[in-house]
Amino acid sequence: MSTLQDIERAVSQLSSEELADFRAWFAEFDAEIWDRQFEEDVAAGRLDGLAEKALKHLREGRCTDL
């Protein structure tokens, strides 16, 4: 049996309150991982092209206020 299957089985057996706590914990956990990856991508310059394109559009007046 895989670890993922073990986790799925355990999650399916949680009470409503435990499941709510798990959801909150997992959302925070997932956001932290996403933030770390985003910061690594920025530091490595992986988003530079997108930033330049956005700034070009802004200079050309191709953006709208939200």
PDB file of N, CA and C in Angstrom:
ATOM      1  N   MET A   1       0.849  -1.176   0.000  1.00  0.00           N
ATOM      2  CA  MET A   1       0.000   0.000   0.000  1.00  0.00           C
ATOM      3  C   MET A   1       0.894   1.238   0.000  1.00  0.00           C
ATOM      4  N   SER A   2       0.483   2.242  -0.765  1.00  0.00           N
ATOM      5  CA  SER A   2       1.290   3.459  -0.860  1.00  0.00           C
ATOM      6  C   SER A   2       0.959   4.433   0.258  1.00  0.00           C
ATOM      7  N   THR A   3       1.857   5.332   0.478  1.00  0.00           N
ATOM      8  CA  THR A   3       1.650   6.372   1.481  1.00  0.00           C
ATOM      9  C   THR A   3       0.444   7.233   1.114  1.00  0.00           C
ATOM     10  N   LEU A   4       0.283   7.526  -0.174  1.00  0.00           N
ATOM     11  CA  LEU A   4      -0.857   8.326  -0.592  1.00  0.00           C
ATOM     12  C   LEU A   4      -2.169   7.633  -0.245  1.00  0.00           C
ATOM     13  N   GLN A   5      -2.240   6.351  -0.466  1.00  0.00           N
ATOM     14  CA  GLN A   5      -3.457   5.613  -0.117  1.00  0.00           C
ATOM     15  C   GLN A   5      -3.698   5.645   1.390  1.00  0.00           C
ATOM     16  N   ASP A   6      -2.634   5.551   2.159  1.00  0.00           N
ATOM     17  CA  ASP A   6      -2.759   5.643   3.621  1.00  0.00           C
ATOM     18  C   ASP A   6      -3.312   7.003   4.029  1.00  0.00           C
ATOM     19  N   ILE A   7      -2.808   8.040   3.400  1.00  0.00           N
ATOM     20  CA  ILE A   7      -3.265   9.400   3.711  1.00  0.00           C
ATOM     21  C   ILE A   7      -4.726   9.561   3.321  1.00  0.00           C
ATOM     22  N   GLU A   8      -5.079   9.094   2.122  1.00  0.00           N
ATOM     23  CA  GLU A   8      -6.471   9.187   1.681  1.00  0.00           C
ATOM     24  C   GLU A   8      -7.402   8.464   2.648  1.00  0.00           C
ATOM     25  N   ARG A   9      -7.006   7.296   3.079  1.00  0.00           N
ATOM     26  CA  ARG A   9      -7.834   6.530   4.010  1.00  0.00           C
ATOM     27  C   ARG A   9      -7.971   7.285   5.334  1.00  0.00           C
ATOM     28  N   ALA A  10      -6.872   7.822   5.834  1.00  0.00           N
ATOM     29  CA  ALA A  10      -6.906   8.542   7.106  1.00  0.00           C
ATOM     30  C   ALA A  10      -7.784   9.792   7.002  1.00  0.00           C
ATOM     31  N   VAL A  11      -7.653  10.534   5.909  1.00  0.00           N
ATOM     32  CA  VAL A  11      -8.450  11.746   5.735  1.00  0.00           C
ATOM     33  C   VAL A  11      -9.931  11.398   5.643  1.00  0.00           C
ATOM     34  N   SER A  12     -10.244  10.324   4.958  1.00  0.00           N
ATOM     35  CA  SER A  12     -11.653   9.954   4.813  1.00  0.00           C
ATOM     36  C   SER A  12     -12.290   9.545   6.135  1.00  0.00           C
ATOM     37  N   GLN A  13     -11.476   9.261   7.135  1.00  0.00           N
ATOM     38  CA  GLN A  13     -11.995   8.833   8.433  1.00  0.00           C
ATOM     39  C   GLN A  13     -12.036   9.968   9.455  1.00  0.00           C
ATOM     40  N   LEU A  14     -11.652  11.167   9.050  1.00  0.00           N
ATOM     41  CA  LEU A  14     -11.662  12.292   9.978  1.00  0.00           C
ATOM     42  C   LEU A  14     -13.092  12.739  10.277  1.00  0.00           C
ATOM     43  N   SER A  15     -13.283  13.247  11.488  1.00  0.00           N
ATOM     44  CA  SER A  15     -14.572  13.849  11.834  1.00  0.00           C
ATOM     45  C   SER A  15     -14.695  15.173  11.091  1.00  0.00           C
ATOM     46  N   SER A  16     -15.868  15.757  11.102  1.00  0.00           N
ATOM     47  CA  SER A  16     -16.086  17.041  10.420  1.00  0.00           C
ATOM     48  C   SER A  16     -15.149  18.115  10.961  1.00  0.00           C
ATOM     49  N   GLU A  17     -15.005  18.148  12.282  1.00  0.00           N
ATOM     50  CA  GLU A  17     -14.120  19.146  12.898  1.00  0.00           C
ATOM     51  C   GLU A  17     -12.664  18.895  12.516  1.00  0.00           C
ATOM     52  N   GLU A  18     -12.240  17.645  12.569  1.00  0.00           N
ATOM     53  CA  GLU A  18     -10.866  17.312  12.188  1.00  0.00           C
ATOM     54  C   GLU A  18     -10.611  17.628  10.718  1.00  0.00           C
ATOM     55  N   LEU A  19     -11.604  17.365   9.875  1.00  0.00           N
ATOM     56  CA  LEU A  19     -11.456  17.647   8.450  1.00  0.00           C
ATOM     57  C   LEU A  19     -11.322  19.151   8.214  1.00  0.00           C
ATOM     58  N   ALA A  20     -12.083  19.945   8.929  1.00  0.00           N
ATOM     59  CA  ALA A  20     -11.971  21.402   8.817  1.00  0.00           C
ATOM     60  C   ALA A  20     -10.578  21.869   9.253  1.00  0.00           C
ATOM     61  N   ASP A  21     -10.081  21.301  10.352  1.00  0.00           N
ATOM     62  CA  ASP A  21      -8.731  21.640  10.821  1.00  0.00           C
ATOM     63  C   ASP A  21      -7.684  21.218   9.793  1.00  0.00           C
ATOM     64  N   PHE A  22      -7.870  20.042   9.200  1.00  0.00           N
ATOM     65  CA  PHE A  22      -6.935  19.549   8.191  1.00  0.00           C
ATOM     66  C   PHE A  22      -6.941  20.456   6.969  1.00  0.00           C
ATOM     67  N   ARG A  23      -8.142  20.865   6.518  1.00  0.00           N
ATOM     68  CA  ARG A  23      -8.237  21.762   5.367  1.00  0.00           C
ATOM     69  C   ARG A  23      -7.479  23.059   5.621  1.00  0.00           C
ATOM     70  N   ALA A  24      -7.677  23.632   6.805  1.00  0.00           N
ATOM     71  CA  ALA A  24      -7.002  24.885   7.145  1.00  0.00           C
ATOM     72  C   ALA A  24      -5.491  24.681   7.168  1.00  0.00           C
ATOM     73  N   TRP A  25      -5.042  23.592   7.783  1.00  0.00           N
ATOM     74  CA  TRP A  25      -3.609  23.313   7.831  1.00  0.00           C
ATOM     75  C   TRP A  25      -3.057  23.116   6.427  1.00  0.00           C
ATOM     76  N   PHE A  26      -3.763  22.329   5.601  1.00  0.00           N
ATOM     77  CA  PHE A  26      -3.253  22.040   4.266  1.00  0.00           C
ATOM     78  C   PHE A  26      -3.224  23.289   3.395  1.00  0.00           C
ATOM     79  N   ALA A  27      -4.216  24.147   3.507  1.00  0.00           N
ATOM     80  CA  ALA A  27      -4.231  25.388   2.735  1.00  0.00           C
ATOM     81  C   ALA A  27      -3.006  26.234   3.072  1.00  0.00           C
ATOM     82  N   GLU A  28      -2.691  26.338   4.355  1.00  0.00           N
ATOM     83  CA  GLU A  28      -1.508  27.106   4.775  1.00  0.00           C
ATOM     84  C   GLU A  28      -0.226  26.432   4.293  1.00  0.00           C
ATOM     85  N   PHE A  29      -0.138  25.130   4.439  1.00  0.00           N
ATOM     86  CA  PHE A  29       1.018  24.348   3.997  1.00  0.00           C
ATOM     87  C   PHE A  29       1.234  24.529   2.495  1.00  0.00           C
ATOM     88  N   ASP A  30       0.170  24.397   1.715  1.00  0.00           N
ATOM     89  CA  ASP A  30       0.253  24.516   0.267  1.00  0.00           C
ATOM     90  C   ASP A  30       0.654  25.929  -0.147  1.00  0.00           C
ATOM     91  N   ALA A  31       0.108  26.937   0.534  1.00  0.00           N
ATOM     92  CA  ALA A  31       0.442  28.326   0.223  1.00  0.00           C
ATOM     93  C   ALA A  31       1.912  28.611   0.500  1.00  0.00           C
ATOM     94  N   GLU A  32       2.442  28.058   1.570  1.00  0.00           N
ATOM     95  CA  GLU A  32       3.860  28.262   1.888  1.00  0.00           C
ATOM     96  C   GLU A  32       4.751  27.657   0.813  1.00  0.00           C
ATOM     97  N   ILE A  33       4.395  26.483   0.328  1.00  0.00           N
ATOM     98  CA  ILE A  33       5.176  25.847  -0.739  1.00  0.00           C
ATOM     99  C   ILE A  33       5.106  26.692  -2.008  1.00  0.00           C
ATOM    100  N   TRP A  34       3.893  27.172  -2.356  1.00  0.00           N
ATOM    101  CA  TRP A  34       3.714  28.003  -3.543  1.00  0.00           C
ATOM    102  C   TRP A  34       4.535  29.281  -3.419  1.00  0.00           C
ATOM    103  N   ASP A  35       4.493  29.906  -2.248  1.00  0.00           N
ATOM    104  CA  ASP A  35       5.260  31.139  -2.024  1.00  0.00           C
ATOM    105  C   ASP A  35       6.750  30.894  -2.216  1.00  0.00           C
ATOM    106  N   ARG A  36       7.253  29.801  -1.661  1.00  0.00           N
ATOM    107  CA  ARG A  36       8.675  29.467  -1.803  1.00  0.00           C
ATOM    108  C   ARG A  36       9.045  29.276  -3.272  1.00  0.00           C
ATOM    109  N   GLN A  37       8.212  28.548  -4.006  1.00  0.00           N
ATOM    110  CA  GLN A  37       8.480  28.314  -5.421  1.00  0.00           C
ATOM    111  C   GLN A  37       8.454  29.619  -6.205  1.00  0.00           C
ATOM    112  N   PHE A  38       7.483  30.476  -5.895  1.00  0.00           N
ATOM    113  CA  PHE A  38       7.380  31.773  -6.558  1.00  0.00           C
ATOM    114  C   PHE A  38       8.642  32.601  -6.305  1.00  0.00           C
ATOM    115  N   GLU A  39       9.089  32.653  -5.052  1.00  0.00           N
ATOM    116  CA  GLU A  39      10.294  33.414  -4.706  1.00  0.00           C
ATOM    117  C   GLU A  39      11.516  32.853  -5.417  1.00  0.00           C
ATOM    118  N   GLU A  40      11.611  31.528  -5.526  1.00  0.00           N
ATOM    119  CA  GLU A  40      12.725  30.910  -6.252  1.00  0.00           C
ATOM    120  C   GLU A  40      12.670  31.279  -7.733  1.00  0.00           C
ATOM    121  N   ASP A  41      11.474  31.266  -8.316  1.00  0.00           N
ATOM    122  CA  ASP A  41      11.314  31.621  -9.725  1.00  0.00           C
ATOM    123  C   ASP A  41      11.694  33.076  -9.968  1.00  0.00           C
ATOM    124  N   VAL A  42      11.290  33.969  -9.070  1.00  0.00           N
ATOM    125  CA  VAL A  42      11.647  35.379  -9.198  1.00  0.00           C
ATOM    126  C   VAL A  42      13.162  35.536  -9.109  1.00  0.00           C
ATOM    127  N   ALA A  43      13.778  34.928  -8.118  1.00  0.00           N
ATOM    128  CA  ALA A  43      15.222  35.049  -7.927  1.00  0.00           C
ATOM    129  C   ALA A  43      15.996  34.494  -9.122  1.00  0.00           C
ATOM    130  N   ALA A  44      15.467  33.455  -9.754  1.00  0.00           N
ATOM    131  CA  ALA A  44      16.136  32.836 -10.893  1.00  0.00           C
ATOM    132  C   ALA A  44      15.842  33.560 -12.202  1.00  0.00           C
ATOM    133  N   GLY A  45      14.970  34.580 -12.151  1.00  0.00           N
ATOM    134  CA  GLY A  45      14.661  35.347 -13.344  1.00  0.00           C
ATOM    135  C   GLY A  45      13.636  34.694 -14.259  1.00  0.00           C
ATOM    136  N   ARG A  46      12.969  33.659 -13.784  1.00  0.00           N
ATOM    137  CA  ARG A  46      12.011  32.949 -14.626  1.00  0.00           C
ATOM    138  C   ARG A  46      10.769  33.776 -14.977  1.00  0.00           C
ATOM    139  N   LEU A  47      10.530  34.846 -14.221  1.00  0.00           N
ATOM    140  CA  LEU A  47       9.345  35.671 -14.469  1.00  0.00           C
ATOM    141  C   LEU A  47       9.688  36.998 -15.139  1.00  0.00           C
ATOM    142  N   ASP A  48      10.947  37.190 -15.452  1.00  0.00           N
ATOM    143  CA  ASP A  48      11.380  38.461 -16.036  1.00  0.00           C
ATOM    144  C   ASP A  48      10.663  38.770 -17.345  1.00  0.00           C
ATOM    145  N   GLY A  49      10.498  37.772 -18.189  1.00  0.00           N
ATOM    146  CA  GLY A  49       9.830  37.977 -19.473  1.00  0.00           C
ATOM    147  C   GLY A  49       8.397  38.428 -19.296  1.00  0.00           C
ATOM    148  N   LEU A  50       7.706  37.819 -18.362  1.00  0.00           N
ATOM    149  CA  LEU A  50       6.318  38.208 -18.087  1.00  0.00           C
ATOM    150  C   LEU A  50       6.246  39.631 -17.534  1.00  0.00           C
ATOM    151  N   ALA A  51       7.185  39.964 -16.653  1.00  0.00           N
ATOM    152  CA  ALA A  51       7.202  41.311 -16.078  1.00  0.00           C
ATOM    153  C   ALA A  51       7.467  42.350 -17.163  1.00  0.00           C
ATOM    154  N   GLU A  52       8.406  42.069 -18.056  1.00  0.00           N
ATOM    155  CA  GLU A  52       8.710  43.005 -19.138  1.00  0.00           C
ATOM    156  C   GLU A  52       7.501  43.189 -20.054  1.00  0.00           C
ATOM    157  N   LYS A  53       6.818  42.097 -20.356  1.00  0.00           N
ATOM    158  CA  LYS A  53       5.630  42.172 -21.211  1.00  0.00           C
ATOM    159  C   LYS A  53       4.545  43.025 -20.545  1.00  0.00           C
ATOM    160  N   ALA A  54       4.336  42.818 -19.244  1.00  0.00           N
ATOM    161  CA  ALA A  54       3.330  43.591 -18.511  1.00  0.00           C
ATOM    162  C   ALA A  54       3.699  45.075 -18.482  1.00  0.00           C
ATOM    163  N   LEU A  55       4.969  45.378 -18.246  1.00  0.00           N
ATOM    164  CA  LEU A  55       5.396  46.774 -18.218  1.00  0.00           C
ATOM    165  C   LEU A  55       5.269  47.420 -19.596  1.00  0.00           C
ATOM    166  N   LYS A  56       5.560  46.673 -20.644  1.00  0.00           N
ATOM    167  CA  LYS A  56       5.412  47.176 -22.008  1.00  0.00           C
ATOM    168  C   LYS A  56       3.946  47.513 -22.275  1.00  0.00           C
ATOM    169  N   HIS A  57       3.061  46.615 -21.901  1.00  0.00           N
ATOM    170  CA  HIS A  57       1.629  46.866 -22.079  1.00  0.00           C
ATOM    171  C   HIS A  57       1.189  48.098 -21.292  1.00  0.00           C
ATOM    172  N   LEU A  58       1.715  48.268 -20.096  1.00  0.00           N
ATOM    173  CA  LEU A  58       1.377  49.434 -19.282  1.00  0.00           C
ATOM    174  C   LEU A  58       1.846  50.719 -19.964  1.00  0.00           C
ATOM    175  N   ARG A  59       3.089  50.708 -20.452  1.00  0.00           N
ATOM    176  CA  ARG A  59       3.622  51.895 -21.141  1.00  0.00           C
ATOM    177  C   ARG A  59       2.814  52.224 -22.396  1.00  0.00           C
ATOM    178  N   GLU A  60       2.319  51.193 -23.075  1.00  0.00           N
ATOM    179  CA  GLU A  60       1.559  51.389 -24.307  1.00  0.00           C
ATOM    180  C   GLU A  60       0.091  51.715 -24.036  1.00  0.00           C
ATOM    181  N   GLY A  61      -0.309  51.773 -22.774  1.00  0.00           N
ATOM    182  CA  GLY A  61      -1.684  52.089 -22.429  1.00  0.00           C
ATOM    183  C   GLY A  61      -2.639  50.946 -22.703  1.00  0.00           C
ATOM    184  N   ARG A  62      -2.135  49.742 -22.707  1.00  0.00           N
ATOM    185  CA  ARG A  62      -2.964  48.573 -23.007  1.00  0.00           C
ATOM    186  C   ARG A  62      -3.509  47.894 -21.734  1.00  0.00           C
ATOM    187  N   CYS A  63      -3.451  48.603 -20.632  1.00  0.00           N
ATOM    188  CA  CYS A  63      -3.943  48.062 -19.361  1.00  0.00           C
ATOM    189  C   CYS A  63      -5.182  48.838 -18.919  1.00  0.00           C
ATOM    190  N   THR A  64      -6.023  48.197 -18.180  1.00  0.00           N
ATOM    191  CA  THR A  64      -7.203  48.877 -17.638  1.00  0.00           C
ATOM    192  C   THR A  64      -7.159  48.805 -16.120  1.00  0.00           C
ATOM    193  N   ASP A  65      -7.658  49.857 -15.488  1.00  0.00           N
ATOM    194  CA  ASP A  65      -7.737  49.879 -14.033  1.00  0.00           C
ATOM    195  C   ASP A  65      -8.783  48.892 -13.568  1.00  0.00           C
ATOM    196  N   LEU A  66      -8.512  48.265 -12.456  1.00  0.00           N
ATOM    197  CA  LEU A  66      -9.492  47.340 -11.885  1.00  0.00           C
ATOM    198  C   LEU A  66     -10.464  48.076 -10.994  1.00  0.00           C
TER     199      LEU A  66
END
